[in-house]
C-alpha atoms as a PDB file:
ATOM      1  CA  MET A   1    -111.327  70.672  98.364  1.00  0.00           C
ATOM      2  CA  PRO A   2    -112.205  74.359  98.240  1.00  0.00           C
ATOM      3  CA  THR A   3    -111.672  75.890  94.889  1.00  0.00           C
ATOM      4  CA  LYS A   4    -109.224  78.677  94.618  1.00  0.00           C
ATOM      5  CA  LYS A   5    -110.678  81.976  93.700  1.00  0.00           C
ATOM      6  CA  LYS A   6    -109.438  83.291  90.415  1.00  0.00           C
ATOM      7  CA  PRO A   7    -107.683  86.610  90.772  1.00  0.00           C
ATOM      8  CA  GLN A   8    -109.825  89.421  89.497  1.00  0.00           C
ATOM      9  CA  VAL A   9    -108.443  91.048  86.397  1.00  0.00           C
ATOM     10  CA  THR A  10    -108.931  94.761  86.345  1.00  0.00           C
ATOM     11  CA  ALA A  11    -108.389  96.963  83.363  1.00  0.00           C
ATOM     12  CA  PRO A  12    -105.222  98.991  83.639  1.00  0.00           C
ATOM     13  CA  LYS A  13    -105.848 102.531  84.719  1.00  0.00           C
ATOM     14  CA  LYS A  14    -105.439 105.147  82.104  1.00  0.00           C
ATOM     15  CA  PRO A  15    -102.207 107.035  82.733  1.00  0.00           C
ATOM     16  CA  ALA A  16    -102.853 110.485  84.111  1.00  0.00           C
ATOM     17  CA  ALA A  17    -101.018 112.161  81.226  1.00  0.00           C
ATOM     18  CA  ALA A  18    -103.115 110.332  78.612  1.00  0.00           C
ATOM     19  CA  ALA A  19    -106.327 111.169  80.453  1.00  0.00           C
ATOM     20  CA  ALA A  20    -105.352 114.837  80.669  1.00  0.00           C
ATOM     21  CA  LEU A  21    -104.524 114.890  76.947  1.00  0.00           C
ATOM     22  CA  ALA A  22    -107.869 113.305  76.077  1.00  0.00           C
ATOM     23  CA  ARG A  23    -109.697 115.827  78.248  1.00  0.00           C
ATOM     24  CA  ARG A  24    -107.762 118.686  76.655  1.00  0.00           C
ATOM     25  CA  SER A  25    -108.744 117.482  73.183  1.00  0.00           C
ATOM     26  CA  GLU A  26    -112.368 117.175  74.272  1.00  0.00           C
ATOM     27  CA  LEU A  27    -112.363 120.736  75.634  1.00  0.00           C
ATOM     28  CA  LEU A  28    -110.828 122.077  72.431  1.00  0.00           C
ATOM     29  CA  GLY A  29    -113.569 120.364  70.449  1.00  0.00           C
ATOM     30  CA  THR A  30    -116.201 122.007  72.636  1.00  0.00           C
ATOM     31  CA  ALA A  31    -114.514 125.405  72.355  1.00  0.00           C
ATOM     32  CA  ALA A  32    -114.282 125.095  68.568  1.00  0.00           C
ATOM     33  CA  GLU A  33    -118.004 124.411  68.284  1.00  0.00           C
ATOM     34  CA  VAL A  34    -118.843 127.382  70.518  1.00  0.00           C
ATOM     35  CA  PHE A  35    -116.467 129.741  68.680  1.00  0.00           C
ATOM     36  CA  ALA A  36    -117.915 128.630  65.343  1.00  0.00           C
ATOM     37  CA  GLU A  37    -121.515 129.086  66.469  1.00  0.00           C
ATOM     38  CA  GLN A  38    -121.307 132.247  68.584  1.00  0.00           C
ATOM     39  CA  GLY A  39    -118.228 133.997  67.202  1.00  0.00           C
ATOM     40  CA  TYR A  40    -114.875 134.406  68.906  1.00  0.00           C
ATOM     41  CA  ASN A  41    -115.437 137.866  70.401  1.00  0.00           C
ATOM     42  CA  ALA A  42    -118.856 136.968  71.761  1.00  0.00           C
ATOM     43  CA  THR A  43    -117.562 133.794  73.439  1.00  0.00           C
ATOM     44  CA  THR A  44    -116.242 133.913  76.997  1.00  0.00           C
ATOM     45  CA  VAL A  45    -114.315 131.348  78.989  1.00  0.00           C
ATOM     46  CA  ARG A  46    -117.431 130.914  81.121  1.00  0.00           C
ATOM     47  CA  THR A  47    -119.486 130.125  77.991  1.00  0.00           C
ATOM     48  CA  ILE A  48    -117.047 127.406  76.981  1.00  0.00           C
ATOM     49  CA  ALA A  49    -116.959 126.022  80.521  1.00  0.00           C
ATOM     50  CA  ASP A  50    -120.767 125.913  80.651  1.00  0.00           C
ATOM     51  CA  HIS A  51    -120.886 123.917  77.423  1.00  0.00           C
ATOM     52  CA  ALA A  52    -118.197 121.590  78.787  1.00  0.00           C
ATOM     53  CA  GLY A  53    -120.110 121.086  82.030  1.00  0.00           C
ATOM     54  CA  MET A  54    -117.452 122.524  84.310  1.00  0.00           C
ATOM     55  CA  LEU A  55    -116.627 125.637  86.291  1.00  0.00           C
ATOM     56  CA  ALA A  56    -114.851 128.442  84.464  1.00  0.00           C
ATOM     57  CA  GLY A  57    -111.997 128.288  86.955  1.00  0.00           C
ATOM     58  CA  SER A  58    -111.464 124.601  86.176  1.00  0.00           C
ATOM     59  CA  LEU A  59    -110.934 125.422  82.496  1.00  0.00           C
ATOM     60  CA  TYR A  60    -107.862 127.444  83.432  1.00  0.00           C
ATOM     61  CA  TYR A  61    -106.271 124.220  84.658  1.00  0.00           C
ATOM     62  CA  HIS A  62    -105.957 123.238  80.983  1.00  0.00           C
ATOM     63  CA  PHE A  63    -105.650 126.608  79.198  1.00  0.00           C
ATOM     64  CA  ASP A  64    -104.506 130.037  80.296  1.00  0.00           C
ATOM     65  CA  SER A  65    -106.962 131.927  78.069  1.00  0.00           C
ATOM     66  CA  LYS A  66    -109.500 131.618  75.306  1.00  0.00           C
ATOM     67  CA  GLU A  67    -106.796 132.984  72.957  1.00  0.00           C
ATOM     68  CA  SER A  68    -104.669 129.919  73.736  1.00  0.00           C
ATOM     69  CA  MET A  69    -107.577 127.658  72.922  1.00  0.00           C
ATOM     70  CA  LEU A  70    -108.274 129.377  69.624  1.00  0.00           C
ATOM     71  CA  GLU A  71    -104.615 129.312  68.631  1.00  0.00           C
ATOM     72  CA  GLU A  72    -104.330 125.585  69.289  1.00  0.00           C
ATOM     73  CA  ILE A  73    -107.567 124.875  67.399  1.00  0.00           C
ATOM     74  CA  LEU A  74    -106.386 126.758  64.305  1.00  0.00           C
ATOM     75  CA  ARG A  75    -102.790 125.501  64.416  1.00  0.00           C
ATOM     76  CA  THR A  76    -103.969 121.895  64.694  1.00  0.00           C
ATOM     77  CA  PHE A  77    -106.271 122.323  61.704  1.00  0.00           C
ATOM     78  CA  LEU A  78    -103.670 124.083  59.531  1.00  0.00           C
ATOM     79  CA  ASP A  79    -100.826 121.723  60.466  1.00  0.00           C
ATOM     80  CA  GLU A  80    -102.941 118.766  59.413  1.00  0.00           C
ATOM     81  CA  LEU A  81    -104.110 120.542  56.274  1.00  0.00           C
ATOM     82  CA  TRP A  82    -100.536 121.233  55.212  1.00  0.00           C
ATOM     83  CA  ASP A  83     -99.422 117.692  55.942  1.00  0.00           C
ATOM     84  CA  GLY A  84    -101.982 116.592  53.356  1.00  0.00           C
ATOM     85  CA  TYR A  85    -101.308 119.399  50.895  1.00  0.00           C
ATOM     86  CA  ASP A  86     -97.524 118.959  51.016  1.00  0.00           C
ATOM     87  CA  THR A  87     -97.911 115.254  50.303  1.00  0.00           C
ATOM     88  CA  VAL A  88    -100.052 116.056  47.259  1.00  0.00           C
ATOM     89  CA  LEU A  89     -97.722 118.785  45.979  1.00  0.00           C
ATOM     90  CA  ALA A  90     -94.651 116.563  46.339  1.00  0.00           C
ATOM     91  CA  SER A  91     -96.206 113.568  44.599  1.00  0.00           C
ATOM     92  CA  GLY A  92     -95.422 114.638  41.028  1.00  0.00           C
ATOM     93  CA  LEU A  93     -99.018 114.509  39.801  1.00  0.00           C
ATOM     94  CA  GLY A  94    -100.190 116.354  36.713  1.00  0.00           C
ATOM     95  CA  PRO A  95    -102.032 119.652  37.195  1.00  0.00           C
ATOM     96  CA  ARG A  96    -105.526 118.186  36.878  1.00  0.00           C
ATOM     97  CA  GLU A  97    -104.718 115.327  39.255  1.00  0.00           C
ATOM     98  CA  THR A  98    -103.107 117.787  41.685  1.00  0.00           C
ATOM     99  CA  LEU A  99    -106.221 119.966  41.640  1.00  0.00           C
ATOM    100  CA  GLU A 100    -108.411 116.920  42.235  1.00  0.00           C
ATOM    101  CA  ALA A 101    -106.225 115.770  45.140  1.00  0.00           C
ATOM    102  CA  LEU A 102    -106.145 119.231  46.739  1.00  0.00           C
ATOM    103  CA  VAL A 103    -109.915 119.541  46.568  1.00  0.00           C
ATOM    104  CA  THR A 104    -110.370 116.060  48.024  1.00  0.00           C
ATOM    105  CA  GLU A 105    -107.925 116.790  50.832  1.00  0.00           C
ATOM    106  CA  SER A 106    -109.777 120.038  51.565  1.00  0.00           C
ATOM    107  CA  PHE A 107    -113.103 118.244  51.985  1.00  0.00           C
ATOM    108  CA  ARG A 108    -111.435 115.659  54.218  1.00  0.00           C
ATOM    109  CA  GLU A 109    -110.203 118.475  56.432  1.00  0.00           C
ATOM    110  CA  ILE A 110    -113.703 119.937  56.595  1.00  0.00           C
ATOM    111  CA  ASP A 111    -114.854 116.505  57.744  1.00  0.00           C
ATOM    112  CA  ARG A 112    -112.161 116.331  60.440  1.00  0.00           C
ATOM    113  CA  HIS A 113    -112.173 119.972  61.548  1.00  0.00           C
ATOM    114  CA  ARG A 114    -115.496 121.460  60.457  1.00  0.00           C
ATOM    115  CA  ALA A 115    -115.721 123.924  63.340  1.00  0.00           C
ATOM    116  CA  ALA A 116    -112.103 125.055  62.919  1.00  0.00           C
ATOM    117  CA  VAL A 117    -112.697 125.694  59.214  1.00  0.00           C
ATOM    118  CA  ALA A 118    -115.799 127.745  60.049  1.00  0.00           C
ATOM    119  CA  ILE A 119    -113.788 129.784  62.570  1.00  0.00           C
ATOM    120  CA  TYR A 120    -111.024 130.323  60.027  1.00  0.00           C
ATOM    121  CA  GLN A 121    -113.547 131.522  57.456  1.00  0.00           C
ATOM    122  CA  LYS A 122    -115.213 133.985  59.825  1.00  0.00           C
ATOM    123  CA  GLU A 123    -112.368 135.203  61.995  1.00  0.00           C
ATOM    124  CA  SER A 124    -109.044 134.944  60.153  1.00  0.00           C
ATOM    125  CA  ARG A 125    -109.040 138.423  58.609  1.00  0.00           C
ATOM    126  CA  GLN A 126    -109.475 140.088  61.988  1.00  0.00           C
ATOM    127  CA  LEU A 127    -107.101 137.712  63.777  1.00  0.00           C
ATOM    128  CA  MET A 128    -104.258 138.250  61.306  1.00  0.00           C
ATOM    129  CA  ALA A 129    -103.752 141.741  62.722  1.00  0.00           C
ATOM    130  CA  GLN A 130    -102.525 140.168  65.969  1.00  0.00           C
ATOM    131  CA  ASP A 131     -98.909 138.973  66.244  1.00  0.00           C
ATOM    132  CA  ARG A 132    -100.085 135.806  67.939  1.00  0.00           C
ATOM    133  CA  PHE A 133    -102.015 134.788  64.838  1.00  0.00           C
ATOM    134  CA  ALA A 134     -99.485 135.856  62.194  1.00  0.00           C
ATOM    135  CA  PHE A 135     -99.246 132.198  61.182  1.00  0.00           C
ATOM    136  CA  LEU A 136    -102.672 132.579  59.557  1.00  0.00           C
ATOM    137  CA  ALA A 137    -101.305 135.070  57.024  1.00  0.00           C
ATOM    138  CA  ASP A 138     -98.318 132.812  56.325  1.00  0.00           C
ATOM    139  CA  SER A 139    -100.629 129.885  55.681  1.00  0.00           C
ATOM    140  CA  GLN A 140    -102.873 131.988  53.451  1.00  0.00           C
ATOM    141  CA  ARG A 141     -99.892 132.979  51.278  1.00  0.00           C
ATOM    142  CA  ARG A 142     -98.796 129.347  50.969  1.00  0.00           C
ATOM    143  CA  PHE A 143    -102.347 128.324  50.153  1.00  0.00           C
ATOM    144  CA  GLU A 144    -102.667 130.892  47.395  1.00  0.00           C
ATOM    145  CA  LYS A 145     -99.300 129.963  45.899  1.00  0.00           C
ATOM    146  CA  ALA A 146    -100.138 126.251  45.841  1.00  0.00           C
ATOM    147  CA  TRP A 147    -103.452 126.733  44.062  1.00  0.00           C
ATOM    148  CA  LEU A 148    -102.309 129.422  41.629  1.00  0.00           C
ATOM    149  CA  SER A 149     -99.221 127.466  40.593  1.00  0.00           C
ATOM    150  CA  THR A 150    -101.354 124.367  39.958  1.00  0.00           C
ATOM    151  CA  LEU A 151    -103.788 126.313  37.800  1.00  0.00           C
ATOM    152  CA  GLU A 152    -100.984 128.111  35.929  1.00  0.00           C
ATOM    153  CA  ARG A 153     -99.267 124.803  35.252  1.00  0.00           C
ATOM    154  CA  GLY A 154    -102.537 123.412  33.933  1.00  0.00           C
ATOM    155  CA  VAL A 155    -102.865 126.316  31.475  1.00  0.00           C
ATOM    156  CA  ALA A 156     -99.205 126.052  30.413  1.00  0.00           C
ATOM    157  CA  GLU A 157     -99.549 122.314  29.782  1.00  0.00           C
ATOM    158  CA  ARG A 158    -102.840 122.848  27.915  1.00  0.00           C
ATOM    159  CA  VAL A 159    -104.800 120.813  30.417  1.00  0.00           C
ATOM    160  CA  PHE A 160    -106.893 123.843  31.391  1.00  0.00           C
ATOM    161  CA  ARG A 161    -108.298 126.404  28.974  1.00  0.00           C
ATOM    162  CA  ALA A 162    -105.855 128.988  27.623  1.00  0.00           C
ATOM    163  CA  ASP A 163    -108.267 131.850  28.383  1.00  0.00           C
ATOM    164  CA  LEU A 164    -108.665 130.818  32.014  1.00  0.00           C
ATOM    165  CA  ASP A 165    -108.349 133.642  34.543  1.00  0.00           C
ATOM    166  CA  VAL A 166    -106.339 131.675  37.103  1.00  0.00           C
ATOM    167  CA  ARG A 167    -106.747 134.171  39.952  1.00  0.00           C
ATOM    168  CA  LEU A 168    -110.513 134.363  39.510  1.00  0.00           C
ATOM    169  CA  THR A 169    -110.672 130.575  39.279  1.00  0.00           C
ATOM    170  CA  TYR A 170    -108.579 130.243  42.431  1.00  0.00           C
ATOM    171  CA  ARG A 171    -110.949 132.510  44.355  1.00  0.00           C
ATOM    172  CA  PHE A 172    -113.973 130.621  43.080  1.00  0.00           C
ATOM    173  CA  VAL A 173    -112.521 127.220  43.995  1.00  0.00           C
ATOM    174  CA  ARG A 174    -111.283 128.457  47.388  1.00  0.00           C
ATOM    175  CA  ASP A 175    -114.570 130.029  48.421  1.00  0.00           C
ATOM    176  CA  THR A 176    -116.885 127.327  47.144  1.00  0.00           C
ATOM    177  CA  VAL A 177    -114.858 124.554  48.781  1.00  0.00           C
ATOM    178  CA  TRP A 178    -114.454 126.099  52.222  1.00  0.00           C
ATOM    179  CA  VAL A 179    -117.993 127.453  52.468  1.00  0.00           C
ATOM    180  CA  ALA A 180    -119.034 123.806  52.772  1.00  0.00           C
ATOM    181  CA  ALA A 181    -118.069 124.041  56.454  1.00  0.00           C
ATOM    182  CA  SER A 182    -121.288 126.028  56.972  1.00  0.00           C
ATOM    183  CA  TRP A 183    -123.528 123.143  55.944  1.00  0.00           C
ATOM    184  CA  TYR A 184    -121.457 119.947  56.058  1.00  0.00           C
ATOM    185  CA  ARG A 185    -121.947 117.607  59.004  1.00  0.00           C
ATOM    186  CA  PRO A 186    -119.669 114.594  59.618  1.00  0.00           C
ATOM    187  CA  GLY A 187    -121.415 111.270  59.286  1.00  0.00           C
ATOM    188  CA  GLY A 188    -123.959 112.563  56.804  1.00  0.00           C
ATOM    189  CA  GLN A 189    -125.257 110.948  53.647  1.00  0.00           C
ATOM    190  CA  HIS A 190    -122.181 111.732  51.569  1.00  0.00           C
ATOM    191  CA  SER A 191    -118.536 111.107  52.422  1.00  0.00           C
ATOM    192  CA  PRO A 192    -115.939 113.853  51.912  1.00  0.00           C
ATOM    193  CA  GLU A 193    -114.600 111.938  48.919  1.00  0.00           C
ATOM    194  CA  GLU A 194    -118.045 111.726  47.309  1.00  0.00           C
ATOM    195  CA  ILE A 195    -118.675 115.433  47.811  1.00  0.00           C
ATOM    196  CA  ALA A 196    -115.249 116.200  46.302  1.00  0.00           C
ATOM    197  CA  ARG A 197    -116.020 113.987  43.303  1.00  0.00           C
ATOM    198  CA  GLN A 198    -119.341 115.734  42.655  1.00  0.00           C
ATOM    199  CA  TYR A 199    -117.758 119.154  43.098  1.00  0.00           C
ATOM    200  CA  LEU A 200    -114.882 118.360  40.756  1.00  0.00           C
ATOM    201  CA  SER A 201    -117.198 117.083  38.058  1.00  0.00           C
ATOM    202  CA  MET A 202    -118.867 120.501  38.008  1.00  0.00           C
ATOM    203  CA  VAL A 203    -115.682 122.584  38.193  1.00  0.00           C
ATOM    204  CA  LEU A 204    -113.521 120.636  35.779  1.00  0.00           C
ATOM    205  CA  ASP A 205    -116.197 120.575  33.087  1.00  0.00           C
ATOM    206  CA  GLY A 206    -115.857 124.346  33.065  1.00  0.00           C
ATOM    207  CA  ILE A 207    -112.062 124.747  33.068  1.00  0.00           C
ATOM    208  CA  ALA A 208    -110.650 121.674  31.351  1.00  0.00           C
ATOM    209  CA  VAL A 209    -109.761 121.607  27.666  1.00  0.00           C
ATOM    210  CA  ARG A 210    -112.378 119.645  25.774  1.00  0.00           C
ATOM    211  CA  ALA A 211    -111.266 116.900  23.468  1.00  0.00           C
END
């Protein structure tokens, strides 16, 4: 008797909406790398399209402008950053543990959004003057409040030195953490958590009260 042919099983096709979303995310990743490397003003839609291997006109199918791309890149980064920060700040940790968790979360965000962090570092001051990017100033104020209040609480609870200049310390911690976006590469020798641990061991030895 002839054997029946088994029906061929084909993988389900990716829904069009999911494919479009994946392509959009891929294009944003390309744009972020180009913005970070060449600067926002120097980057054109054609430059991004060239790096993505497509025609400039095809890019407009996904985004109406390079401003839209930049806004989505920065909003995505900051929304994720604040999800992590808010969890830390609401967890009831002591000031030292809060500082440690905030630093660790910051390095994790550099790992996830290195190019976006680099863009934020280079471009945010200029972008804040535009209404479209007013959210950057709002985030900066929240960021400063979170770090200053943690440091002030540490001084008040005698966890950090009484003579600590909290604003100067905040600026030092802020700048030395985020500048890592200029040299950090995901998948390198050290994980974000390991880098945070090494960084904290240097910082906390300088600001913590010694037994």
